[in-house]
């Protein structure tokens, strides 16, 4: 459960912004979207491999 302490006289928009930031950090929405459909392990492995190659190229280009 997310608890956002609101100080006396604090703007409600600021408290809402704090809540949204904490909620985003928990990763609930990201996990929910990930679980909506099943991805085969081979597809996940392929995506990770492609991402690793991309990151390697980015690091090599910076040097």
PDB file of N, CA and C in Angstrom:
ATOM      1  N   UNK A   1       0.841  -1.171   0.000  1.00  0.00           N
ATOM      2  CA  UNK A   1       0.000   0.000   0.000  1.00  0.00           C
ATOM      3  C   UNK A   1       0.890   1.239   0.000  1.00  0.00           C
ATOM      4  N   UNK A   2       0.547   2.185  -0.834  1.00  0.00           N
ATOM      5  CA  UNK A   2       1.332   3.406  -0.960  1.00  0.00           C
ATOM      6  C   UNK A   2       0.766   4.466  -0.014  1.00  0.00           C
ATOM      7  N   UNK A   3       1.645   5.024   0.807  1.00  0.00           N
ATOM      8  CA  UNK A   3       1.241   6.075   1.733  1.00  0.00           C
ATOM      9  C   UNK A   3       2.012   7.338   1.388  1.00  0.00           C
ATOM     10  N   UNK A   4       1.283   8.432   1.199  1.00  0.00           N
ATOM     11  CA  UNK A   4       1.894   9.719   0.895  1.00  0.00           C
ATOM     12  C   UNK A   4       1.509  10.688   2.009  1.00  0.00           C
ATOM     13  N   UNK A   5       2.468  11.031   2.867  1.00  0.00           N
ATOM     14  CA  UNK A   5       2.149  11.984   3.927  1.00  0.00           C
ATOM     15  C   UNK A   5       1.971  13.385   3.350  1.00  0.00           C
ATOM     16  N   UNK A   6       0.869  14.028   3.697  1.00  0.00           N
ATOM     17  CA  UNK A   6       0.576  15.380   3.215  1.00  0.00           C
ATOM     18  C   UNK A   6       0.788  16.342   4.368  1.00  0.00           C
ATOM     19  N   UNK A   7       1.660  17.315   4.152  1.00  0.00           N
ATOM     20  CA  UNK A   7       1.954  18.293   5.191  1.00  0.00           C
ATOM     21  C   UNK A   7       0.845  19.339   5.250  1.00  0.00           C
ATOM     22  N   UNK A   8       0.784  20.008   6.359  1.00  0.00           N
ATOM     23  CA  UNK A   8      -0.222  21.054   6.561  1.00  0.00           C
ATOM     24  C   UNK A   8      -0.019  22.167   5.546  1.00  0.00           C
ATOM     25  N   UNK A   9      -1.070  22.499   4.814  1.00  0.00           N
ATOM     26  CA  UNK A   9      -1.013  23.582   3.844  1.00  0.00           C
ATOM     27  C   UNK A   9      -0.366  23.198   2.524  1.00  0.00           C
ATOM     28  N   UNK A  10      -0.054  21.910   2.343  1.00  0.00           N
ATOM     29  CA  UNK A  10       0.574  21.472   1.091  1.00  0.00           C
ATOM     30  C   UNK A  10      -0.476  21.369  -0.010  1.00  0.00           C
ATOM     31  N   UNK A  11      -0.087  21.738  -1.177  1.00  0.00           N
ATOM     32  CA  UNK A  11      -0.973  21.719  -2.324  1.00  0.00           C
ATOM     33  C   UNK A  11      -1.372  20.281  -2.667  1.00  0.00           C
ATOM     34  N   UNK A  12      -2.631  20.057  -3.002  1.00  0.00           N
ATOM     35  CA  UNK A  12      -3.108  18.715  -3.323  1.00  0.00           C
ATOM     36  C   UNK A  12      -2.484  18.195  -4.616  1.00  0.00           C
ATOM     37  N   UNK A  13      -2.187  19.102  -5.543  1.00  0.00           N
ATOM     38  CA  UNK A  13      -1.550  18.687  -6.796  1.00  0.00           C
ATOM     39  C   UNK A  13      -0.156  18.122  -6.533  1.00  0.00           C
ATOM     40  N   UNK A  14       0.547  18.744  -5.596  1.00  0.00           N
ATOM     41  CA  UNK A  14       1.896  18.276  -5.251  1.00  0.00           C
ATOM     42  C   UNK A  14       1.831  16.892  -4.605  1.00  0.00           C
ATOM     43  N   UNK A  15       0.854  16.677  -3.746  1.00  0.00           N
ATOM     44  CA  UNK A  15       0.680  15.372  -3.104  1.00  0.00           C
ATOM     45  C   UNK A  15       0.308  14.319  -4.146  1.00  0.00           C
ATOM     46  N   UNK A  16      -0.525  14.688  -5.092  1.00  0.00           N
ATOM     47  CA  UNK A  16      -0.905  13.761  -6.161  1.00  0.00           C
ATOM     48  C   UNK A  16       0.300  13.408  -7.018  1.00  0.00           C
ATOM     49  N   UNK A  17       1.158  14.387  -7.263  1.00  0.00           N
ATOM     50  CA  UNK A  17       2.368  14.162  -8.040  1.00  0.00           C
ATOM     51  C   UNK A  17       3.289  13.180  -7.325  1.00  0.00           C
ATOM     52  N   UNK A  18       3.411  13.312  -5.989  1.00  0.00           N
ATOM     53  CA  UNK A  18       4.218  12.393  -5.190  1.00  0.00           C
ATOM     54  C   UNK A  18       3.654  10.979  -5.281  1.00  0.00           C
ATOM     55  N   UNK A  19       2.314  10.884  -5.194  1.00  0.00           N
ATOM     56  CA  UNK A  19       1.665   9.580  -5.270  1.00  0.00           C
ATOM     57  C   UNK A  19       1.934   8.920  -6.615  1.00  0.00           C
ATOM     58  N   UNK A  20       1.784   9.676  -7.692  1.00  0.00           N
ATOM     59  CA  UNK A  20       2.008   9.131  -9.035  1.00  0.00           C
ATOM     60  C   UNK A  20       3.450   8.651  -9.198  1.00  0.00           C
ATOM     61  N   UNK A  21       4.400   9.410  -8.662  1.00  0.00           N
ATOM     62  CA  UNK A  21       5.811   9.042  -8.756  1.00  0.00           C
ATOM     63  C   UNK A  21       6.076   7.742  -8.000  1.00  0.00           C
ATOM     64  N   UNK A  22       5.521   7.626  -6.791  1.00  0.00           N
ATOM     65  CA  UNK A  22       5.709   6.406  -6.005  1.00  0.00           C
ATOM     66  C   UNK A  22       5.052   5.215  -6.695  1.00  0.00           C
ATOM     67  N   UNK A  23       3.866   5.442  -7.257  1.00  0.00           N
ATOM     68  CA  UNK A  23       3.147   4.372  -7.938  1.00  0.00           C
ATOM     69  C   UNK A  23       3.929   3.897  -9.161  1.00  0.00           C
ATOM     70  N   UNK A  24       4.526   4.820  -9.894  1.00  0.00           N
ATOM     71  CA  UNK A  24       5.308   4.473 -11.076  1.00  0.00           C
ATOM     72  C   UNK A  24       6.542   3.652 -10.686  1.00  0.00           C
ATOM     73  N   UNK A  25       7.159   3.999  -9.560  1.00  0.00           N
ATOM     74  CA  UNK A  25       8.357   3.286  -9.114  1.00  0.00           C
ATOM     75  C   UNK A  25       8.059   1.844  -8.708  1.00  0.00           C
ATOM     76  N   UNK A  26       6.845   1.572  -8.255  1.00  0.00           N
ATOM     77  CA  UNK A  26       6.506   0.209  -7.862  1.00  0.00           C
ATOM     78  C   UNK A  26       6.445  -0.721  -9.057  1.00  0.00           C
ATOM     79  N   UNK A  27       6.129  -0.201 -10.241  1.00  0.00           N
ATOM     80  CA  UNK A  27       6.111  -1.012 -11.455  1.00  0.00           C
ATOM     81  C   UNK A  27       4.872  -1.861 -11.617  1.00  0.00           C
ATOM     82  N   UNK A  28       3.787  -1.497 -10.968  1.00  0.00           N
ATOM     83  CA  UNK A  28       2.559  -2.280 -11.012  1.00  0.00           C
ATOM     84  C   UNK A  28       1.973  -2.299 -12.427  1.00  0.00           C
ATOM     85  N   UNK A  29       1.899  -1.145 -13.053  1.00  0.00           N
ATOM     86  CA  UNK A  29       1.302  -1.056 -14.380  1.00  0.00           C
ATOM     87  C   UNK A  29       2.155  -1.801 -15.404  1.00  0.00           C
ATOM     88  N   UNK A  30       3.472  -1.674 -15.282  1.00  0.00           N
ATOM     89  CA  UNK A  30       4.390  -2.352 -16.196  1.00  0.00           C
ATOM     90  C   UNK A  30       4.220  -3.869 -16.092  1.00  0.00           C
ATOM     91  N   UNK A  31       4.124  -4.371 -14.864  1.00  0.00           N
ATOM     92  CA  UNK A  31       3.944  -5.802 -14.629  1.00  0.00           C
ATOM     93  C   UNK A  31       2.589  -6.272 -15.165  1.00  0.00           C
ATOM     94  N   UNK A  32       1.563  -5.466 -14.968  1.00  0.00           N
ATOM     95  CA  UNK A  32       0.233  -5.813 -15.450  1.00  0.00           C
ATOM     96  C   UNK A  32       0.217  -5.943 -16.964  1.00  0.00           C
ATOM     97  N   UNK A  33       0.827  -5.002 -17.656  1.00  0.00           N
ATOM     98  CA  UNK A  33       0.890  -5.055 -19.118  1.00  0.00           C
ATOM     99  C   UNK A  33       1.699  -6.242 -19.599  1.00  0.00           C
ATOM    100  N   UNK A  34       2.760  -6.577 -18.869  1.00  0.00           N
ATOM    101  CA  UNK A  34       3.605  -7.714 -19.249  1.00  0.00           C
ATOM    102  C   UNK A  34       2.832  -9.028 -19.128  1.00  0.00           C
ATOM    103  N   UNK A  35       1.959  -9.113 -18.143  1.00  0.00           N
ATOM    104  CA  UNK A  35       1.220 -10.358 -17.899  1.00  0.00           C
ATOM    105  C   UNK A  35      -0.030 -10.500 -18.766  1.00  0.00           C
ATOM    106  N   UNK A  36      -0.387  -9.481 -19.526  1.00  0.00           N
ATOM    107  CA  UNK A  36      -1.600  -9.554 -20.334  1.00  0.00           C
ATOM    108  C   UNK A  36      -1.503 -10.603 -21.432  1.00  0.00           C
ATOM    109  N   UNK A  37      -0.321 -10.807 -21.962  1.00  0.00           N
ATOM    110  CA  UNK A  37      -0.170 -11.815 -23.012  1.00  0.00           C
ATOM    111  C   UNK A  37       1.044 -12.674 -22.699  1.00  0.00           C
ATOM    112  N   UNK A  38       1.014 -13.893 -23.205  1.00  0.00           N
ATOM    113  CA  UNK A  38       2.106 -14.830 -22.973  1.00  0.00           C
ATOM    114  C   UNK A  38       3.131 -14.694 -24.083  1.00  0.00           C
ATOM    115  N   UNK A  39       4.386 -14.555 -23.697  1.00  0.00           N
ATOM    116  CA  UNK A  39       5.482 -14.536 -24.662  1.00  0.00           C
ATOM    117  C   UNK A  39       6.280 -15.813 -24.495  1.00  0.00           C
ATOM    118  N   UNK A  40       6.560 -16.441 -25.627  1.00  0.00           N
ATOM    119  CA  UNK A  40       7.339 -17.670 -25.582  1.00  0.00           C
ATOM    120  C   UNK A  40       8.751 -17.358 -25.085  1.00  0.00           C
ATOM    121  N   UNK A  41       9.346 -18.290 -24.346  1.00  0.00           N
ATOM    122  CA  UNK A  41      10.706 -18.072 -23.852  1.00  0.00           C
ATOM    123  C   UNK A  41      11.707 -17.797 -24.973  1.00  0.00           C
ATOM    124  N   UNK A  42      11.515 -18.427 -26.121  1.00  0.00           N
ATOM    125  CA  UNK A  42      12.436 -18.197 -27.235  1.00  0.00           C
ATOM    126  C   UNK A  42      12.335 -16.762 -27.753  1.00  0.00           C
ATOM    127  N   UNK A  43      11.127 -16.206 -27.745  1.00  0.00           N
ATOM    128  CA  UNK A  43      10.927 -14.824 -28.195  1.00  0.00           C
ATOM    129  C   UNK A  43      11.585 -13.864 -27.214  1.00  0.00           C
ATOM    130  N   UNK A  44      11.419 -14.126 -25.925  1.00  0.00           N
ATOM    131  CA  UNK A  44      12.030 -13.281 -24.895  1.00  0.00           C
ATOM    132  C   UNK A  44      13.550 -13.321 -25.021  1.00  0.00           C
ATOM    133  N   UNK A  45      14.094 -14.516 -25.219  1.00  0.00           N
ATOM    134  CA  UNK A  45      15.536 -14.680 -25.354  1.00  0.00           C
ATOM    135  C   UNK A  45      16.053 -13.921 -26.574  1.00  0.00           C
ATOM    136  N   UNK A  46      15.320 -14.004 -27.679  1.00  0.00           N
ATOM    137  CA  UNK A  46      15.717 -13.309 -28.904  1.00  0.00           C
ATOM    138  C   UNK A  46      15.700 -11.798 -28.705  1.00  0.00           C
ATOM    139  N   UNK A  47      14.673 -11.287 -28.035  1.00  0.00           N
ATOM    140  CA  UNK A  47      14.585  -9.846 -27.780  1.00  0.00           C
ATOM    141  C   UNK A  47      15.723  -9.370 -26.894  1.00  0.00           C
ATOM    142  N   UNK A  48      16.057 -10.145 -25.878  1.00  0.00           N
ATOM    143  CA  UNK A  48      17.162  -9.775 -24.994  1.00  0.00           C
ATOM    144  C   UNK A  48      18.492  -9.769 -25.743  1.00  0.00           C
ATOM    145  N   UNK A  49      18.665 -10.747 -26.640  1.00  0.00           N
ATOM    146  CA  UNK A  49      19.895 -10.831 -27.427  1.00  0.00           C
ATOM    147  C   UNK A  49      20.007  -9.625 -28.357  1.00  0.00           C
ATOM    148  N   UNK A  50      18.928  -9.270 -29.026  1.00  0.00           N
ATOM    149  CA  UNK A  50      18.919  -8.111 -29.917  1.00  0.00           C
ATOM    150  C   UNK A  50      19.218  -6.835 -29.132  1.00  0.00           C
ATOM    151  N   UNK A  51      18.641  -6.709 -27.950  1.00  0.00           N
ATOM    152  CA  UNK A  51      18.886  -5.536 -27.110  1.00  0.00           C
ATOM    153  C   UNK A  51      20.349  -5.475 -26.673  1.00  0.00           C
ATOM    154  N   UNK A  52      20.933  -6.622 -26.312  1.00  0.00           N
ATOM    155  CA  UNK A  52      22.330  -6.656 -25.884  1.00  0.00           C
ATOM    156  C   UNK A  52      23.251  -6.241 -27.031  1.00  0.00           C
ATOM    157  N   UNK A  53      22.949  -6.693 -28.244  1.00  0.00           N
ATOM    158  CA  UNK A  53      23.741  -6.303 -29.415  1.00  0.00           C
ATOM    159  C   UNK A  53      23.631  -4.802 -29.642  1.00  0.00           C
ATOM    160  N   UNK A  54      22.439  -4.266 -29.502  1.00  0.00           N
ATOM    161  CA  UNK A  54      22.211  -2.830 -29.677  1.00  0.00           C
ATOM    162  C   UNK A  54      23.018  -2.025 -28.659  1.00  0.00           C
ATOM    163  N   UNK A  55      22.984  -2.457 -27.404  1.00  0.00           N
ATOM    164  CA  UNK A  55      23.704  -1.744 -26.348  1.00  0.00           C
ATOM    165  C   UNK A  55      25.212  -1.813 -26.603  1.00  0.00           C
ATOM    166  N   UNK A  56      25.704  -2.962 -27.043  1.00  0.00           N
ATOM    167  CA  UNK A  56      27.128  -3.109 -27.340  1.00  0.00           C
ATOM    168  C   UNK A  56      27.551  -2.142 -28.443  1.00  0.00           C
ATOM    169  N   UNK A  57      26.731  -2.021 -29.482  1.00  0.00           N
ATOM    170  CA  UNK A  57      27.040  -1.105 -30.581  1.00  0.00           C
ATOM    171  C   UNK A  57      27.054   0.337 -30.096  1.00  0.00           C
ATOM    172  N   UNK A  58      26.117   0.693 -29.213  1.00  0.00           N
ATOM    173  CA  UNK A  58      26.061   2.052 -28.681  1.00  0.00           C
ATOM    174  C   UNK A  58      27.317   2.369 -27.872  1.00  0.00           C
ATOM    175  N   UNK A  59      27.761   1.419 -27.056  1.00  0.00           N
ATOM    176  CA  UNK A  59      28.956   1.626 -26.246  1.00  0.00           C
ATOM    177  C   UNK A  59      30.199   1.713 -27.136  1.00  0.00           C
ATOM    178  N   UNK A  60      30.262   0.879 -28.181  1.00  0.00           N
ATOM    179  CA  UNK A  60      31.398   0.896 -29.091  1.00  0.00           C
ATOM    180  C   UNK A  60      31.460   2.214 -29.874  1.00  0.00           C
ATOM    181  N   UNK A  61      30.304   2.765 -30.228  1.00  0.00           N
ATOM    182  CA  UNK A  61      30.267   4.021 -30.976  1.00  0.00           C
ATOM    183  C   UNK A  61      30.721   5.191 -30.109  1.00  0.00           C
ATOM    184  N   UNK A  62      30.503   5.124 -28.811  1.00  0.00           N
ATOM    185  CA  UNK A  62      30.890   6.209 -27.920  1.00  0.00           C
ATOM    186  C   UNK A  62      32.400   6.268 -27.741  1.00  0.00           C
ATOM    187  N   UNK A  63      33.066   5.148 -27.851  1.00  0.00           N
ATOM    188  CA  UNK A  63      34.534   5.103 -27.648  1.00  0.00           C
ATOM    189  C   UNK A  63      35.265   5.628 -28.808  1.00  0.00           C
TER     190      UNK A  63
END
